[in-house]
Amino acid sequence: MNPAFSVVFLTTLIGAGQGLFLALYAAELAGYGAAAAGAGANLNLAGGAALALVLCGLGLLASFFHLGHPERAWRAAAMWRTSWLSREVIALPAFMAALAAWGLAHGLGWGGTAWLGALAALLCLGLFACTGMVYASIRFLQEWASPLTLLNHLLLGAASGTTLAAALAAWRAPALARPATGAALVLTLLAAASRTASLARNARLKPKSTLQSAIGIRHPRIVQRAQGFMGGSFNTREFFHGRSPALMRAVKWTFLCAAFALPALMLAAGLRGAATAWLPLAFAVQSAGLLAERWFFLAQANHPQNLYYQAIS
């Protein structure tokens, strides 16, 4: 497929916002969100919620650049009974509203924030499921049609958001920095294992269609000479990225290093008590790596029509 950068930024940004919220809510349940936690252990949950809301808002803004007619965006929710994309369109603002209410309740010192957080957490997990199923439900794109697609969306978002939470804890609640960093390291390693498993699975895939079945001719030897027209078309622009295999390999190894290996090393350094500057740097590097990972994820999906068009395009 030909990745749209609006979708790349959408999934990366909202994933980080969701992961940050889940880390903050876990901190609240552990007792680190109130003044009673003591000096150096009181994490500013209202400020963290605002940051998570900004990340989700930026992701939502990026999604509008993917629309041919942004003024008709409301129509994207119309098919919620059958479309995972429509369900995602509904789940994202619902989660943002619950997140805003949870953060506001903390900012104003209201009670009952744990219940608001539980509602936001359910919506957050539902949003992860909807985003993952947008891709996993497309059965003819074998690279996406796997439970690993769902798992990767969850783990990648949780890892990046928890890494950001660790950086915030190092600045605002030093007593929480170590457990947050440890959680971020574990999630990053789990995400690396899950994404590596999906890469290994995709490398073993074989097309279910052939050139013969693509054009309806069963001759054992078919050689493509032309597409039937002189220029490109919607098919060649939208369903194939046009990049060389060498570039695809370079992007793959870049995101494996930037999204997983380097952040894991930086988090390990922070866990050993090194300078806290490693933590925001780990988030910055991981975010850049996840942008590359999202692009690769979208580009790697091989549409069956490429059996015909890709050979010449």
Protein backbone atom coordinates (compact mmCIF):
# COMPACT_ATOMS: atom_id res chain seq x y z
CA MET A 1 0.00 0.00 0.00
CA ASN A 2 0.99 3.63 -0.37
CA PRO A 3 1.12 5.05 3.21
CA ALA A 4 -0.64 8.33 3.92
CA PHE A 5 1.40 10.37 6.38
CA SER A 6 -1.81 11.64 7.98
CA VAL A 7 -2.58 8.05 9.03
CA VAL A 8 1.02 7.52 10.15
CA PHE A 9 0.82 10.51 12.51
CA LEU A 10 -2.74 9.70 13.57
CA THR A 11 -1.97 6.19 14.83
CA THR A 12 1.36 7.16 16.41
CA LEU A 13 0.07 10.22 18.26
CA ILE A 14 -3.17 8.76 19.59
CA GLY A 15 -1.31 5.57 20.58
CA ALA A 16 1.12 7.62 22.68
CA GLY A 17 -1.78 9.56 24.23
CA GLN A 18 -3.63 6.35 25.08
CA GLY A 19 -0.51 4.76 26.53
CA LEU A 20 0.22 7.86 28.61
CA PHE A 21 -3.29 7.84 30.05
CA LEU A 22 -3.09 4.13 30.96
CA ALA A 23 0.23 4.76 32.73
CA LEU A 24 -1.23 7.75 34.61
CA TYR A 25 -4.32 5.79 35.61
CA ALA A 26 -2.13 2.94 36.86
CA ALA A 27 -0.21 5.52 38.92
CA GLU A 28 -3.50 6.77 40.39
CA LEU A 29 -4.57 3.25 41.34
CA ALA A 30 -1.16 2.72 42.93
CA GLY A 31 -1.65 5.85 45.07
CA TYR A 32 0.81 8.17 43.33
CA GLY A 33 -1.71 10.73 42.15
CA ALA A 34 -2.61 12.51 45.38
CA ALA A 35 -0.81 14.86 47.69
CA ALA A 36 -1.02 12.15 50.32
CA ALA A 37 1.60 10.27 48.34
CA GLY A 38 4.19 12.57 49.85
CA ALA A 39 6.96 14.75 48.51
CA GLY A 40 8.61 13.42 45.40
CA ALA A 41 5.86 10.87 44.77
CA ASN A 42 2.89 13.06 43.78
CA LEU A 43 2.42 12.82 40.03
CA ASN A 44 0.46 15.68 38.48
CA LEU A 45 -2.30 13.63 36.88
CA ALA A 46 -4.23 16.66 35.65
CA GLY A 47 -1.21 17.93 33.74
CA GLY A 48 -0.47 14.48 32.39
CA ALA A 49 -4.08 14.10 31.24
CA ALA A 50 -3.83 17.44 29.45
CA LEU A 51 -0.71 16.25 27.63
CA ALA A 52 -2.42 12.98 26.65
CA LEU A 53 -5.38 15.00 25.40
CA VAL A 54 -3.08 17.19 23.30
CA LEU A 55 -1.49 14.10 21.71
CA CYS A 56 -4.89 12.65 20.86
CA GLY A 57 -6.06 16.03 19.57
CA LEU A 58 -3.04 16.32 17.28
CA GLY A 59 -3.73 12.82 16.00
CA LEU A 60 -7.36 13.73 15.35
CA LEU A 61 -6.22 16.85 13.51
CA ALA A 62 -3.84 14.80 11.37
CA SER A 63 -6.72 12.52 10.35
CA PHE A 64 -8.51 15.42 8.65
CA PHE A 65 -5.69 15.68 6.10
CA HIS A 66 -6.65 12.18 4.94
CA LEU A 67 -10.15 13.31 3.96
CA GLY A 68 -11.03 14.52 0.50
CA HIS A 69 -13.89 16.56 1.99
CA PRO A 70 -13.16 17.35 5.67
CA GLU A 71 -16.51 19.14 5.98
CA ARG A 72 -18.17 15.75 5.59
CA ALA A 73 -16.10 14.09 8.34
CA TRP A 74 -19.21 13.48 10.45
CA ARG A 75 -20.41 10.99 7.85
CA ALA A 76 -17.50 8.68 8.72
CA ALA A 77 -19.46 7.55 11.80
CA ALA A 78 -22.58 6.58 9.86
CA MET A 79 -21.60 2.93 9.25
CA TRP A 80 -20.81 2.05 12.87
CA ARG A 81 -22.80 -1.20 12.68
CA THR A 82 -20.44 -2.77 10.14
CA SER A 83 -17.31 -0.61 9.88
CA TRP A 84 -14.41 -0.63 12.32
CA LEU A 85 -13.34 2.74 10.92
CA SER A 86 -16.69 4.23 11.89
CA ARG A 87 -16.35 2.71 15.35
CA GLU A 88 -12.89 4.26 15.67
CA VAL A 89 -14.33 7.64 14.64
CA ILE A 90 -16.82 7.33 17.51
CA ALA A 91 -14.42 5.82 20.07
CA LEU A 92 -11.71 8.48 19.72
CA PRO A 93 -13.79 11.55 20.73
CA ALA A 94 -15.58 9.47 23.38
CA PHE A 95 -12.23 8.53 24.92
CA MET A 96 -11.02 12.14 24.68
CA ALA A 97 -14.16 13.36 26.46
CA ALA A 98 -13.70 10.83 29.28
CA LEU A 99 -10.00 11.68 29.49
CA ALA A 100 -10.79 15.41 29.71
CA ALA A 101 -13.36 14.77 32.47
CA TRP A 102 -10.87 12.62 34.41
CA GLY A 103 -8.15 15.25 34.13
CA LEU A 104 -10.53 18.08 35.05
CA ALA A 105 -11.73 16.16 38.11
CA HIS A 106 -8.13 15.82 39.28
CA GLY A 107 -7.40 19.46 38.54
CA LEU A 108 -10.38 20.61 40.61
CA GLY A 109 -9.74 18.12 43.40
CA TRP A 110 -13.03 16.27 42.97
CA GLY A 111 -13.65 12.79 44.30
CA GLY A 112 -14.64 9.74 42.32
CA THR A 113 -11.80 10.07 39.85
CA ALA A 114 -11.08 6.33 39.94
CA TRP A 115 -14.51 5.62 38.44
CA LEU A 116 -14.01 8.23 35.74
CA GLY A 117 -10.60 6.71 35.08
CA ALA A 118 -12.12 3.23 34.78
CA LEU A 119 -14.58 4.50 32.16
CA ALA A 120 -11.77 6.25 30.26
CA ALA A 121 -9.65 3.08 30.45
CA LEU A 122 -12.46 0.98 28.94
CA LEU A 123 -12.89 3.51 26.13
CA CYS A 124 -9.12 3.60 25.67
CA LEU A 125 -8.92 -0.17 25.24
CA GLY A 126 -11.94 -0.06 22.94
CA LEU A 127 -10.17 2.56 20.81
CA PHE A 128 -7.08 0.35 20.60
CA ALA A 129 -9.31 -2.52 19.43
CA CYS A 130 -11.08 -0.38 16.83
CA THR A 131 -7.82 1.01 15.44
CA GLY A 132 -6.26 -2.42 15.20
CA MET A 133 -9.35 -3.99 13.64
CA VAL A 134 -9.46 -1.32 10.92
CA TYR A 135 -6.45 -3.20 9.51
CA ALA A 136 -6.83 -6.72 10.90
CA SER A 137 -10.34 -7.06 9.46
CA ILE A 138 -9.12 -6.68 5.85
CA ARG A 139 -8.72 -10.36 5.12
CA PHE A 140 -7.22 -10.09 1.63
CA LEU A 141 -4.25 -8.10 2.95
CA GLN A 142 -2.45 -10.99 4.58
CA GLU A 143 0.20 -8.85 6.30
CA TRP A 144 -2.53 -7.12 8.34
CA ALA A 145 -5.01 -9.96 8.83
CA SER A 146 -3.56 -11.30 12.07
CA PRO A 147 -4.19 -11.03 15.84
CA LEU A 148 -0.64 -9.65 16.04
CA THR A 149 -1.93 -6.45 14.40
CA LEU A 150 -4.20 -5.82 17.38
CA LEU A 151 -1.50 -6.76 19.88
CA ASN A 152 1.07 -4.51 18.21
CA HIS A 153 -1.21 -1.47 18.27
CA LEU A 154 -1.79 -1.98 21.99
CA LEU A 155 1.82 -2.67 22.97
CA LEU A 156 3.38 0.04 20.79
CA GLY A 157 1.03 2.68 22.18
CA ALA A 158 1.44 1.48 25.75
CA ALA A 159 5.25 1.42 25.43
CA SER A 160 5.56 4.94 24.03
CA GLY A 161 3.03 6.39 26.47
CA THR A 162 4.67 4.75 29.47
CA THR A 163 8.07 5.99 28.34
CA LEU A 164 6.62 9.51 28.28
CA ALA A 165 5.09 8.92 31.73
CA ALA A 166 8.53 7.87 33.02
CA ALA A 167 10.01 11.12 31.69
CA LEU A 168 7.25 13.11 33.40
CA ALA A 169 7.78 11.21 36.65
CA ALA A 170 11.51 11.96 36.60
CA TRP A 171 10.66 15.66 36.45
CA ARG A 172 7.60 15.78 38.71
CA ALA A 173 7.67 12.69 40.95
CA PRO A 174 11.19 11.23 41.31
CA ALA A 175 9.99 8.46 43.61
CA LEU A 176 7.82 7.15 40.79
CA ALA A 177 10.47 7.44 38.07
CA ARG A 178 12.08 4.06 38.74
CA PRO A 179 8.90 1.90 38.62
CA ALA A 180 7.62 3.86 35.60
CA THR A 181 10.94 3.38 33.81
CA GLY A 182 10.89 -0.33 34.60
CA ALA A 183 7.35 -0.63 33.23
CA ALA A 184 8.34 1.27 30.09
CA LEU A 185 11.31 -1.04 29.56
CA VAL A 186 9.18 -4.17 29.95
CA LEU A 187 6.53 -2.85 27.56
CA THR A 188 9.17 -1.83 25.02
CA LEU A 189 10.67 -5.32 25.09
CA LEU A 190 7.22 -6.92 24.79
CA ALA A 191 6.40 -4.63 21.86
CA ALA A 192 9.71 -5.56 20.22
CA ALA A 193 8.94 -9.27 20.62
CA SER A 194 5.41 -8.88 19.22
CA ARG A 195 6.52 -6.75 16.26
CA THR A 196 9.38 -9.13 15.48
CA ALA A 197 6.91 -12.02 15.52
CA SER A 198 4.71 -10.20 13.00
CA LEU A 199 7.71 -9.52 10.76
CA ALA A 200 8.69 -13.20 10.88
CA ARG A 201 5.11 -14.21 10.09
CA ASN A 202 4.86 -11.82 7.15
CA ALA A 203 8.17 -13.02 5.74
CA ARG A 204 6.68 -16.53 5.40
CA LEU A 205 3.51 -15.42 3.63
CA LYS A 206 2.80 -16.57 0.11
CA PRO A 207 0.24 -14.85 -2.15
CA LYS A 208 -3.07 -16.67 -2.35
CA SER A 209 -3.52 -15.35 -5.87
CA THR A 210 -1.27 -15.74 -8.90
CA LEU A 211 -0.69 -13.72 -12.02
CA GLN A 212 -2.83 -16.27 -13.84
CA SER A 213 -5.77 -15.83 -11.46
CA ALA A 214 -5.31 -12.05 -11.43
CA ILE A 215 -6.04 -11.74 -15.15
CA GLY A 216 -8.09 -14.90 -15.65
CA ILE A 217 -5.65 -16.72 -17.96
CA ARG A 218 -4.39 -20.15 -16.93
CA HIS A 219 -1.41 -20.43 -19.23
CA PRO A 220 1.62 -21.69 -17.24
CA ARG A 221 3.95 -18.95 -18.52
CA ILE A 222 2.78 -15.33 -18.64
CA VAL A 223 5.11 -12.36 -19.27
CA GLN A 224 3.86 -8.83 -18.66
CA ARG A 225 4.94 -6.29 -21.31
CA ALA A 226 2.75 -3.28 -20.48
CA GLN A 227 -0.13 -2.16 -18.27
CA GLY A 228 -2.30 -1.15 -21.20
CA PHE A 229 -1.82 2.60 -20.77
CA MET A 230 1.12 5.03 -20.92
CA GLY A 231 0.87 6.81 -17.55
CA GLY A 232 0.12 5.89 -13.95
CA SER A 233 -3.32 5.34 -12.50
CA PHE A 234 -5.16 5.29 -9.19
CA ASN A 235 -4.19 1.65 -8.84
CA THR A 236 -0.46 2.27 -9.19
CA ARG A 237 -0.50 5.37 -6.98
CA GLU A 238 -2.67 4.21 -4.08
CA PHE A 239 -2.01 0.48 -3.76
CA PHE A 240 1.76 0.38 -4.16
CA HIS A 241 4.36 2.53 -2.42
CA GLY A 242 6.85 2.49 -5.33
CA ARG A 243 9.91 2.14 -3.07
CA SER A 244 12.76 -0.27 -3.72
CA PRO A 245 13.29 -3.46 -1.66
CA ALA A 246 16.57 -1.95 -0.40
CA LEU A 247 14.73 1.07 1.03
CA MET A 248 12.12 -1.16 2.64
CA ARG A 249 14.87 -3.16 4.36
CA ALA A 250 16.53 0.08 5.53
CA VAL A 251 13.27 1.37 7.02
CA LYS A 252 12.68 -1.95 8.76
CA TRP A 253 16.06 -1.98 10.48
CA THR A 254 15.75 1.73 11.27
CA PHE A 255 12.50 1.31 13.16
CA LEU A 256 13.69 -1.85 14.92
CA CYS A 257 16.64 0.13 16.28
CA ALA A 258 14.90 3.46 16.93
CA ALA A 259 11.59 2.15 18.29
CA PHE A 260 12.94 -0.72 20.39
CA ALA A 261 16.69 -1.27 20.75
CA LEU A 262 17.87 2.29 21.45
CA PRO A 263 14.95 3.24 23.77
CA ALA A 264 15.46 -0.01 25.69
CA LEU A 265 19.12 0.87 26.25
CA MET A 266 18.21 4.40 27.33
CA LEU A 267 15.51 3.15 29.68
CA ALA A 268 17.95 0.64 31.15
CA ALA A 269 20.41 3.49 31.72
CA GLY A 270 17.68 5.48 33.46
CA LEU A 271 16.76 2.45 35.54
CA ARG A 272 20.36 2.19 36.77
CA GLY A 273 20.17 5.74 38.07
CA ALA A 274 21.85 7.51 35.15
CA ALA A 275 20.95 11.09 34.25
CA THR A 276 17.20 11.58 33.88
CA ALA A 277 17.85 13.19 30.48
CA TRP A 278 17.88 9.63 29.09
CA LEU A 279 14.12 9.35 29.64
CA PRO A 280 12.83 12.22 27.47
CA LEU A 281 15.48 11.29 24.90
CA ALA A 282 14.18 7.71 24.92
CA PHE A 283 10.66 8.99 24.22
CA ALA A 284 11.85 11.24 21.38
CA VAL A 285 13.85 8.46 19.72
CA GLN A 286 11.06 5.93 20.22
CA SER A 287 8.48 8.29 18.73
CA ALA A 288 10.60 8.80 15.62
CA GLY A 289 11.08 5.04 15.36
CA LEU A 290 7.33 4.42 15.69
CA LEU A 291 6.63 6.85 12.85
CA ALA A 292 8.96 4.75 10.68
CA GLU A 293 7.28 1.57 11.98
CA ARG A 294 3.81 2.87 11.08
CA TRP A 295 4.99 3.78 7.58
CA PHE A 296 6.52 0.33 7.13
CA PHE A 297 3.40 -1.39 8.50
CA LEU A 298 1.21 0.37 5.93
CA ALA A 299 3.67 -0.02 3.06
CA GLN A 300 4.32 -3.71 3.66
CA ALA A 301 0.70 -4.67 2.98
CA ASN A 302 0.75 -6.13 -0.54
CA HIS A 303 -2.57 -5.57 -2.31
CA PRO A 304 -3.47 -8.51 -4.61
CA GLN A 305 -3.80 -6.12 -7.57
CA ASN A 306 -0.04 -5.59 -7.42
CA LEU A 307 0.40 -9.04 -8.93
CA TYR A 308 -0.48 -7.29 -12.17
CA TYR A 309 0.49 -3.63 -11.75
CA GLN A 310 3.59 -3.76 -9.54
CA ALA A 311 5.71 -5.63 -12.10
CA ILE A 312 5.76 -2.64 -14.43
CA SER A 313 4.98 0.29 -12.13
